[in-house]
């Protein structure tokens, strides 16, 4: 994790620091993801780790705090991995379980005086975002608070500056990890296992990567652009939600 993120990580802050942040901008970010296969080059917690980095950028730019990453996202009834690599994904999670967990976190935050609860999922599937949305709506329904859930990159459209979109272990996710957790990524292992110069990859392939080939398109600089821009976009939406409560 980048050292500057420590300034907004709830678990690393002292009470007076949290109080000052809450008074300035009572926004709390709840990053969530999964523990699943993200290619040979990335750690299994990639979803939650990159969502956490994006939330930290949002809090640094727009105020608020970031809770520790939540790793038990929705992965269905299976333990998926490409041929020869099953058994590393922690699956079998249910919508009701995720909703209950996020609702409990959100209710505790609202009771502590936070006005906007933002759930950010790095496991970029609508069903996970929607489960988090329902949980936040219930938690804030009877309080002077609000919030929303969002997939990390759904406010983004690929363009010249960031030519990729959300993927699975491709250039988007791998670049984010190369920026925020550089020592946890090993592109060389893809070369050792025979990944070539394909432009794009399919999830059904032997590497379990969906998206642009990270060997050709991933970089720490692209990751910086993604993490900072997604943080900016989500922070803007959070600030709007806060303004609407005033």
C-alpha atoms as a PDB file:
ATOM      1  CA  UNK A   1       0.000   0.000   0.000  1.00  0.00           C
ATOM      2  CA  UNK A   2       1.251   3.491  -0.815  1.00  0.00           C
ATOM      3  CA  UNK A   3       2.341   5.393   2.274  1.00  0.00           C
ATOM      4  CA  UNK A   4       0.130   8.408   1.564  1.00  0.00           C
ATOM      5  CA  UNK A   5      -2.951   6.225   1.923  1.00  0.00           C
ATOM      6  CA  UNK A   6      -2.265   5.807   5.623  1.00  0.00           C
ATOM      7  CA  UNK A   7      -3.655   9.318   6.194  1.00  0.00           C
ATOM      8  CA  UNK A   8      -7.199   8.134   5.450  1.00  0.00           C
ATOM      9  CA  UNK A   9      -7.162   4.498   6.633  1.00  0.00           C
ATOM     10  CA  UNK A  10      -9.585   4.267   9.546  1.00  0.00           C
ATOM     11  CA  UNK A  11      -7.698   1.494  11.307  1.00  0.00           C
ATOM     12  CA  UNK A  12      -4.460   3.499  11.323  1.00  0.00           C
ATOM     13  CA  UNK A  13      -5.902   6.761  12.624  1.00  0.00           C
ATOM     14  CA  UNK A  14      -6.167   8.008  16.193  1.00  0.00           C
ATOM     15  CA  UNK A  15      -9.553   9.194  17.522  1.00  0.00           C
ATOM     16  CA  UNK A  16      -8.752  12.891  17.197  1.00  0.00           C
ATOM     17  CA  UNK A  17      -7.706  12.361  13.589  1.00  0.00           C
ATOM     18  CA  UNK A  18     -10.937  10.557  12.754  1.00  0.00           C
ATOM     19  CA  UNK A  19     -12.954  13.269  14.513  1.00  0.00           C
ATOM     20  CA  UNK A  20     -11.323  15.993  12.435  1.00  0.00           C
ATOM     21  CA  UNK A  21     -11.947  14.131   9.174  1.00  0.00           C
ATOM     22  CA  UNK A  22     -15.580  13.441  10.101  1.00  0.00           C
ATOM     23  CA  UNK A  23     -16.201  17.081  10.939  1.00  0.00           C
ATOM     24  CA  UNK A  24     -14.712  18.198   7.622  1.00  0.00           C
ATOM     25  CA  UNK A  25     -16.326  15.552   5.387  1.00  0.00           C
ATOM     26  CA  UNK A  26     -18.416  12.791   7.020  1.00  0.00           C
ATOM     27  CA  UNK A  27     -17.919  10.320   4.162  1.00  0.00           C
ATOM     28  CA  UNK A  28     -16.949   6.699   4.820  1.00  0.00           C
ATOM     29  CA  UNK A  29     -15.758   4.386   2.073  1.00  0.00           C
ATOM     30  CA  UNK A  30     -16.266   0.621   2.319  1.00  0.00           C
ATOM     31  CA  UNK A  31     -14.106  -1.209  -0.268  1.00  0.00           C
ATOM     32  CA  UNK A  32     -15.053  -4.789  -1.051  1.00  0.00           C
ATOM     33  CA  UNK A  33     -13.899  -7.524  -3.363  1.00  0.00           C
ATOM     34  CA  UNK A  34     -13.155 -11.209  -3.298  1.00  0.00           C
ATOM     35  CA  UNK A  35     -10.484 -13.804  -2.831  1.00  0.00           C
ATOM     36  CA  UNK A  36     -10.119 -15.341  -6.244  1.00  0.00           C
ATOM     37  CA  UNK A  37      -7.845 -16.168  -9.118  1.00  0.00           C
ATOM     38  CA  UNK A  38      -6.428 -13.043 -10.766  1.00  0.00           C
ATOM     39  CA  UNK A  39      -3.842 -14.578 -13.027  1.00  0.00           C
ATOM     40  CA  UNK A  40      -0.488 -15.960 -12.070  1.00  0.00           C
ATOM     41  CA  UNK A  41       0.877 -12.422 -11.782  1.00  0.00           C
ATOM     42  CA  UNK A  42      -1.489 -10.915  -9.200  1.00  0.00           C
ATOM     43  CA  UNK A  43      -2.362 -11.706  -5.564  1.00  0.00           C
ATOM     44  CA  UNK A  44      -5.651 -13.442  -4.796  1.00  0.00           C
ATOM     45  CA  UNK A  45      -6.977 -10.367  -2.992  1.00  0.00           C
ATOM     46  CA  UNK A  46      -6.580  -8.089  -6.023  1.00  0.00           C
ATOM     47  CA  UNK A  47     -10.255  -7.053  -6.166  1.00  0.00           C
ATOM     48  CA  UNK A  48     -10.357  -5.653  -2.650  1.00  0.00           C
ATOM     49  CA  UNK A  49      -6.837  -4.244  -2.716  1.00  0.00           C
ATOM     50  CA  UNK A  50      -7.337  -2.112  -5.821  1.00  0.00           C
ATOM     51  CA  UNK A  51     -10.778  -0.978  -4.609  1.00  0.00           C
ATOM     52  CA  UNK A  52      -9.124   0.078  -1.370  1.00  0.00           C
ATOM     53  CA  UNK A  53      -6.505   2.089  -3.272  1.00  0.00           C
ATOM     54  CA  UNK A  54      -9.214   3.834  -5.306  1.00  0.00           C
ATOM     55  CA  UNK A  55     -11.152   4.629  -2.125  1.00  0.00           C
ATOM     56  CA  UNK A  56      -8.013   6.076  -0.570  1.00  0.00           C
ATOM     57  CA  UNK A  57      -7.550   8.348  -3.573  1.00  0.00           C
ATOM     58  CA  UNK A  58     -11.192   9.402  -3.254  1.00  0.00           C
ATOM     59  CA  UNK A  59     -10.781  10.221   0.429  1.00  0.00           C
ATOM     60  CA  UNK A  60      -7.515  12.075  -0.099  1.00  0.00           C
ATOM     61  CA  UNK A  61      -9.068  14.221  -2.786  1.00  0.00           C
ATOM     62  CA  UNK A  62     -12.613  14.672  -1.497  1.00  0.00           C
ATOM     63  CA  UNK A  63     -12.465  13.990   2.212  1.00  0.00           C
ATOM     64  CA  UNK A  64     -13.553  11.064   4.336  1.00  0.00           C
ATOM     65  CA  UNK A  65     -12.083   7.852   5.665  1.00  0.00           C
ATOM     66  CA  UNK A  66     -11.585   4.375   4.229  1.00  0.00           C
ATOM     67  CA  UNK A  67     -12.412   1.197   6.094  1.00  0.00           C
ATOM     68  CA  UNK A  68     -10.216  -1.899   5.787  1.00  0.00           C
ATOM     69  CA  UNK A  69     -10.901  -3.961   2.665  1.00  0.00           C
ATOM     70  CA  UNK A  70     -13.719  -6.518   2.840  1.00  0.00           C
ATOM     71  CA  UNK A  71     -12.691  -9.680   1.009  1.00  0.00           C
ATOM     72  CA  UNK A  72     -15.731 -11.964   1.121  1.00  0.00           C
ATOM     73  CA  UNK A  73     -17.498 -10.916  -2.053  1.00  0.00           C
ATOM     74  CA  UNK A  74     -19.917 -12.919  -4.165  1.00  0.00           C
ATOM     75  CA  UNK A  75     -18.348 -15.706  -6.194  1.00  0.00           C
ATOM     76  CA  UNK A  76     -21.194 -18.169  -6.653  1.00  0.00           C
ATOM     77  CA  UNK A  77     -21.233 -21.870  -6.001  1.00  0.00           C
ATOM     78  CA  UNK A  78     -17.756 -22.773  -7.125  1.00  0.00           C
ATOM     79  CA  UNK A  79     -14.035 -22.533  -6.569  1.00  0.00           C
ATOM     80  CA  UNK A  80     -12.960 -21.385  -9.996  1.00  0.00           C
ATOM     81  CA  UNK A  81      -9.534 -21.362 -11.568  1.00  0.00           C
ATOM     82  CA  UNK A  82      -8.108 -22.261 -14.984  1.00  0.00           C
ATOM     83  CA  UNK A  83      -6.996 -25.823 -15.680  1.00  0.00           C
ATOM     84  CA  UNK A  84      -4.627 -27.001 -12.986  1.00  0.00           C
ATOM     85  CA  UNK A  85      -5.245 -23.995 -10.750  1.00  0.00           C
ATOM     86  CA  UNK A  86      -8.588 -24.633  -9.111  1.00  0.00           C
ATOM     87  CA  UNK A  87      -8.760 -24.591  -5.324  1.00  0.00           C
ATOM     88  CA  UNK A  88      -7.412 -21.078  -4.678  1.00  0.00           C
ATOM     89  CA  UNK A  89     -10.608 -19.058  -5.009  1.00  0.00           C
ATOM     90  CA  UNK A  90     -12.667 -18.721  -1.809  1.00  0.00           C
ATOM     91  CA  UNK A  91     -16.159 -18.990  -3.247  1.00  0.00           C
ATOM     92  CA  UNK A  92     -19.637 -20.135  -2.160  1.00  0.00           C
ATOM     93  CA  UNK A  93     -20.538 -16.719  -0.734  1.00  0.00           C
ATOM     94  CA  UNK A  94     -24.207 -15.736  -0.716  1.00  0.00           C
ATOM     95  CA  UNK A  95     -25.946 -12.418  -1.424  1.00  0.00           C
ATOM     96  CA  UNK A  96     -27.644 -12.470   1.972  1.00  0.00           C
ATOM     97  CA  UNK A  97     -24.301 -12.905   3.729  1.00  0.00           C
ATOM     98  CA  UNK A  98     -22.692 -10.009   1.874  1.00  0.00           C
ATOM     99  CA  UNK A  99     -25.724  -7.776   2.425  1.00  0.00           C
ATOM    100  CA  UNK A 100     -25.797  -8.521   6.138  1.00  0.00           C
ATOM    101  CA  UNK A 101     -22.096  -7.789   6.528  1.00  0.00           C
ATOM    102  CA  UNK A 102     -22.216  -4.501   4.624  1.00  0.00           C
ATOM    103  CA  UNK A 103     -25.414  -3.451   6.380  1.00  0.00           C
ATOM    104  CA  UNK A 104     -23.798  -4.054   9.760  1.00  0.00           C
ATOM    105  CA  UNK A 105     -20.764  -1.988   8.806  1.00  0.00           C
ATOM    106  CA  UNK A 106     -22.924   0.799   7.378  1.00  0.00           C
ATOM    107  CA  UNK A 107     -25.225   0.926  10.412  1.00  0.00           C
ATOM    108  CA  UNK A 108     -22.235   1.222  12.716  1.00  0.00           C
ATOM    109  CA  UNK A 109     -20.843   4.060  10.641  1.00  0.00           C
ATOM    110  CA  UNK A 110     -24.156   5.920  10.594  1.00  0.00           C
ATOM    111  CA  UNK A 111     -24.467   5.526  14.350  1.00  0.00           C
ATOM    112  CA  UNK A 112     -21.003   7.069  14.662  1.00  0.00           C
ATOM    113  CA  UNK A 113     -21.984  10.199  12.774  1.00  0.00           C
ATOM    114  CA  UNK A 114     -20.941   9.447   9.195  1.00  0.00           C
ATOM    115  CA  UNK A 115     -23.421  10.903   6.721  1.00  0.00           C
ATOM    116  CA  UNK A 116     -22.468   9.300   3.402  1.00  0.00           C
ATOM    117  CA  UNK A 117     -21.585   5.617   3.113  1.00  0.00           C
ATOM    118  CA  UNK A 118     -19.949   4.604  -0.160  1.00  0.00           C
ATOM    119  CA  UNK A 119     -19.526   0.950  -1.042  1.00  0.00           C
ATOM    120  CA  UNK A 120     -16.915   0.413  -3.757  1.00  0.00           C
ATOM    121  CA  UNK A 121     -16.583  -3.047  -5.233  1.00  0.00           C
ATOM    122  CA  UNK A 122     -13.471  -4.161  -7.059  1.00  0.00           C
ATOM    123  CA  UNK A 123     -15.197  -7.460  -7.888  1.00  0.00           C
ATOM    124  CA  UNK A 124     -16.851  -5.706 -10.776  1.00  0.00           C
ATOM    125  CA  UNK A 125     -20.141  -7.512 -11.164  1.00  0.00           C
ATOM    126  CA  UNK A 126     -23.541  -5.843 -10.895  1.00  0.00           C
ATOM    127  CA  UNK A 127     -24.927  -8.418  -8.477  1.00  0.00           C
ATOM    128  CA  UNK A 128     -22.295  -7.517  -5.876  1.00  0.00           C
ATOM    129  CA  UNK A 129     -22.792  -3.779  -6.328  1.00  0.00           C
ATOM    130  CA  UNK A 130     -26.559  -4.199  -6.045  1.00  0.00           C
ATOM    131  CA  UNK A 131     -26.298  -6.255  -2.859  1.00  0.00           C
ATOM    132  CA  UNK A 132     -24.142  -3.553  -1.306  1.00  0.00           C
ATOM    133  CA  UNK A 133     -26.567  -0.876  -2.510  1.00  0.00           C
ATOM    134  CA  UNK A 134     -29.505  -2.567  -0.792  1.00  0.00           C
ATOM    135  CA  UNK A 135     -27.501  -2.878   2.417  1.00  0.00           C
ATOM    136  CA  UNK A 136     -26.544   0.807   2.426  1.00  0.00           C
ATOM    137  CA  UNK A 137     -30.108   1.884   1.672  1.00  0.00           C
ATOM    138  CA  UNK A 138     -31.439  -0.095   4.638  1.00  0.00           C
ATOM    139  CA  UNK A 139     -28.719   1.173   6.948  1.00  0.00           C
ATOM    140  CA  UNK A 140     -29.366   4.815   6.118  1.00  0.00           C
ATOM    141  CA  UNK A 141     -33.154   4.734   5.675  1.00  0.00           C
ATOM    142  CA  UNK A 142     -34.060   5.983   9.130  1.00  0.00           C
ATOM    143  CA  UNK A 143     -31.156   8.379   9.650  1.00  0.00           C
ATOM    144  CA  UNK A 144     -30.068  11.755   8.268  1.00  0.00           C
ATOM    145  CA  UNK A 145     -27.638   9.867   6.043  1.00  0.00           C
ATOM    146  CA  UNK A 146     -27.356   8.387   2.582  1.00  0.00           C
ATOM    147  CA  UNK A 147     -24.950   6.709   0.257  1.00  0.00           C
ATOM    148  CA  UNK A 148     -24.526   4.385  -2.675  1.00  0.00           C
ATOM    149  CA  UNK A 149     -22.602   1.404  -3.981  1.00  0.00           C
ATOM    150  CA  UNK A 150     -20.603   1.442  -7.175  1.00  0.00           C
ATOM    151  CA  UNK A 151     -18.262  -0.680  -9.225  1.00  0.00           C
ATOM    152  CA  UNK A 152     -14.826   0.895  -9.214  1.00  0.00           C
ATOM    153  CA  UNK A 153     -14.758   1.788 -12.897  1.00  0.00           C
ATOM    154  CA  UNK A 154     -18.380   2.178 -13.921  1.00  0.00           C
ATOM    155  CA  UNK A 155     -18.141   5.980 -14.167  1.00  0.00           C
ATOM    156  CA  UNK A 156     -15.294   5.625 -16.663  1.00  0.00           C
ATOM    157  CA  UNK A 157     -15.343   5.392 -20.438  1.00  0.00           C
ATOM    158  CA  UNK A 158     -12.089   4.295 -22.131  1.00  0.00           C
ATOM    159  CA  UNK A 159     -10.358   7.158 -23.883  1.00  0.00           C
ATOM    160  CA  UNK A 160      -6.956   8.361 -24.977  1.00  0.00           C
ATOM    161  CA  UNK A 161      -5.613   8.888 -21.464  1.00  0.00           C
ATOM    162  CA  UNK A 162      -6.952   5.613 -20.067  1.00  0.00           C
ATOM    163  CA  UNK A 163      -7.596   3.345 -23.069  1.00  0.00           C
ATOM    164  CA  UNK A 164      -8.823   0.328 -21.059  1.00  0.00           C
ATOM    165  CA  UNK A 165     -11.880  -0.529 -18.990  1.00  0.00           C
ATOM    166  CA  UNK A 166     -12.669  -2.918 -16.165  1.00  0.00           C
ATOM    167  CA  UNK A 167     -11.405  -6.442 -16.765  1.00  0.00           C
ATOM    168  CA  UNK A 168     -10.282  -9.569 -14.955  1.00  0.00           C
ATOM    169  CA  UNK A 169      -6.524  -9.763 -14.353  1.00  0.00           C
ATOM    170  CA  UNK A 170      -5.880  -7.926 -17.611  1.00  0.00           C
ATOM    171  CA  UNK A 171      -4.256  -4.561 -18.192  1.00  0.00           C
ATOM    172  CA  UNK A 172      -6.710  -2.659 -15.940  1.00  0.00           C
ATOM    173  CA  UNK A 173      -6.418  -4.741 -12.807  1.00  0.00           C
ATOM    174  CA  UNK A 174      -2.752  -5.603 -13.224  1.00  0.00           C
ATOM    175  CA  UNK A 175      -1.833  -1.944 -13.787  1.00  0.00           C
ATOM    176  CA  UNK A 176      -3.731  -0.874 -10.653  1.00  0.00           C
ATOM    177  CA  UNK A 177      -1.800  -3.418  -8.634  1.00  0.00           C
ATOM    178  CA  UNK A 178       1.522  -2.416 -10.208  1.00  0.00           C
ATOM    179  CA  UNK A 179       0.875   1.133  -9.023  1.00  0.00           C
ATOM    180  CA  UNK A 180      -0.553   0.586  -5.538  1.00  0.00           C
ATOM    181  CA  UNK A 181       1.090  -2.751  -4.603  1.00  0.00           C
ATOM    182  CA  UNK A 182       4.126  -2.942  -6.872  1.00  0.00           C
ATOM    183  CA  UNK A 183       5.918  -5.584  -4.830  1.00  0.00           C
ATOM    184  CA  UNK A 184       2.947  -7.967  -5.107  1.00  0.00           C
ATOM    185  CA  UNK A 185       2.908  -8.233  -8.911  1.00  0.00           C
ATOM    186  CA  UNK A 186       5.157 -10.513 -10.947  1.00  0.00           C
ATOM    187  CA  UNK A 187       4.677 -10.218 -14.711  1.00  0.00           C
ATOM    188  CA  UNK A 188       7.662 -12.451 -15.333  1.00  0.00           C
ATOM    189  CA  UNK A 189       5.711 -15.470 -14.135  1.00  0.00           C
ATOM    190  CA  UNK A 190       3.368 -15.038 -17.120  1.00  0.00           C
ATOM    191  CA  UNK A 191       6.310 -15.207 -19.493  1.00  0.00           C
ATOM    192  CA  UNK A 192       7.667 -18.269 -17.714  1.00  0.00           C
ATOM    193  CA  UNK A 193       4.334 -20.012 -18.189  1.00  0.00           C
ATOM    194  CA  UNK A 194       4.211 -19.199 -21.894  1.00  0.00           C
ATOM    195  CA  UNK A 195       1.968 -16.174 -22.314  1.00  0.00           C
ATOM    196  CA  UNK A 196       2.749 -14.656 -25.694  1.00  0.00           C
ATOM    197  CA  UNK A 197       1.991 -11.407 -27.463  1.00  0.00           C
ATOM    198  CA  UNK A 198      -1.771 -11.894 -27.882  1.00  0.00           C
ATOM    199  CA  UNK A 199      -3.591  -8.568 -27.942  1.00  0.00           C
ATOM    200  CA  UNK A 200      -6.476  -9.725 -25.758  1.00  0.00           C
ATOM    201  CA  UNK A 201      -7.273 -12.775 -23.659  1.00  0.00           C
ATOM    202  CA  UNK A 202     -10.455 -14.670 -22.832  1.00  0.00           C
ATOM    203  CA  UNK A 203     -11.476 -15.880 -19.384  1.00  0.00           C
ATOM    204  CA  UNK A 204     -11.826 -19.394 -20.766  1.00  0.00           C
ATOM    205  CA  UNK A 205      -8.145 -19.534 -21.626  1.00  0.00           C
ATOM    206  CA  UNK A 206      -5.390 -21.273 -19.654  1.00  0.00           C
ATOM    207  CA  UNK A 207      -4.295 -18.106 -17.846  1.00  0.00           C
ATOM    208  CA  UNK A 208      -7.698 -17.112 -16.480  1.00  0.00           C
ATOM    209  CA  UNK A 209      -7.257 -13.551 -17.755  1.00  0.00           C
ATOM    210  CA  UNK A 210     -10.009 -11.560 -19.422  1.00  0.00           C
ATOM    211  CA  UNK A 211      -9.047  -8.324 -21.144  1.00  0.00           C
ATOM    212  CA  UNK A 212      -6.029  -6.752 -22.785  1.00  0.00           C
ATOM    213  CA  UNK A 213      -2.819  -8.713 -22.388  1.00  0.00           C
ATOM    214  CA  UNK A 214      -1.036  -7.343 -19.302  1.00  0.00           C
ATOM    215  CA  UNK A 215       2.371  -8.179 -20.770  1.00  0.00           C
ATOM    216  CA  UNK A 216       1.681  -5.734 -23.599  1.00  0.00           C
ATOM    217  CA  UNK A 217      -0.536  -3.124 -21.996  1.00  0.00           C
ATOM    218  CA  UNK A 218      -0.086  -3.064 -18.205  1.00  0.00           C
ATOM    219  CA  UNK A 219       2.161  -0.527 -16.478  1.00  0.00           C
ATOM    220  CA  UNK A 220       2.481   1.228 -13.151  1.00  0.00           C
ATOM    221  CA  UNK A 221       1.881   4.558 -14.902  1.00  0.00           C
ATOM    222  CA  UNK A 222      -1.400   3.357 -16.376  1.00  0.00           C
ATOM    223  CA  UNK A 223      -2.325   2.050 -12.943  1.00  0.00           C
ATOM    224  CA  UNK A 224      -1.657   5.445 -11.402  1.00  0.00           C
ATOM    225  CA  UNK A 225      -3.915   7.105 -13.950  1.00  0.00           C
ATOM    226  CA  UNK A 226      -6.698   4.580 -13.325  1.00  0.00           C
ATOM    227  CA  UNK A 227      -6.563   4.679  -9.531  1.00  0.00           C
ATOM    228  CA  UNK A 228      -6.361   8.463  -9.340  1.00  0.00           C
ATOM    229  CA  UNK A 229      -9.113   9.069 -11.922  1.00  0.00           C
ATOM    230  CA  UNK A 230     -11.537   6.514 -10.481  1.00  0.00           C
ATOM    231  CA  UNK A 231     -10.923   8.004  -7.043  1.00  0.00           C
ATOM    232  CA  UNK A 232     -11.678  11.461  -8.404  1.00  0.00           C
ATOM    233  CA  UNK A 233     -14.899  10.320 -10.094  1.00  0.00           C
ATOM    234  CA  UNK A 234     -16.201   8.456  -7.061  1.00  0.00           C
ATOM    235  CA  UNK A 235     -15.257  11.294  -4.709  1.00  0.00           C
ATOM    236  CA  UNK A 236     -17.263  13.665  -6.867  1.00  0.00           C
ATOM    237  CA  UNK A 237     -20.338  11.466  -6.589  1.00  0.00           C
ATOM    238  CA  UNK A 238     -19.822  11.168  -2.820  1.00  0.00           C
ATOM    239  CA  UNK A 239     -19.558  14.938  -2.414  1.00  0.00           C
ATOM    240  CA  UNK A 240     -22.772  15.361  -4.385  1.00  0.00           C
ATOM    241  CA  UNK A 241     -24.500  12.919  -2.056  1.00  0.00           C
ATOM    242  CA  UNK A 242     -23.230  14.877   0.942  1.00  0.00           C
ATOM    243  CA  UNK A 243     -24.391  18.191  -0.510  1.00  0.00           C
ATOM    244  CA  UNK A 244     -27.873  16.765  -1.038  1.00  0.00           C
ATOM    245  CA  UNK A 245     -28.159  16.048   2.687  1.00  0.00           C
ATOM    246  CA  UNK A 246     -27.458  19.636   3.685  1.00  0.00           C
END
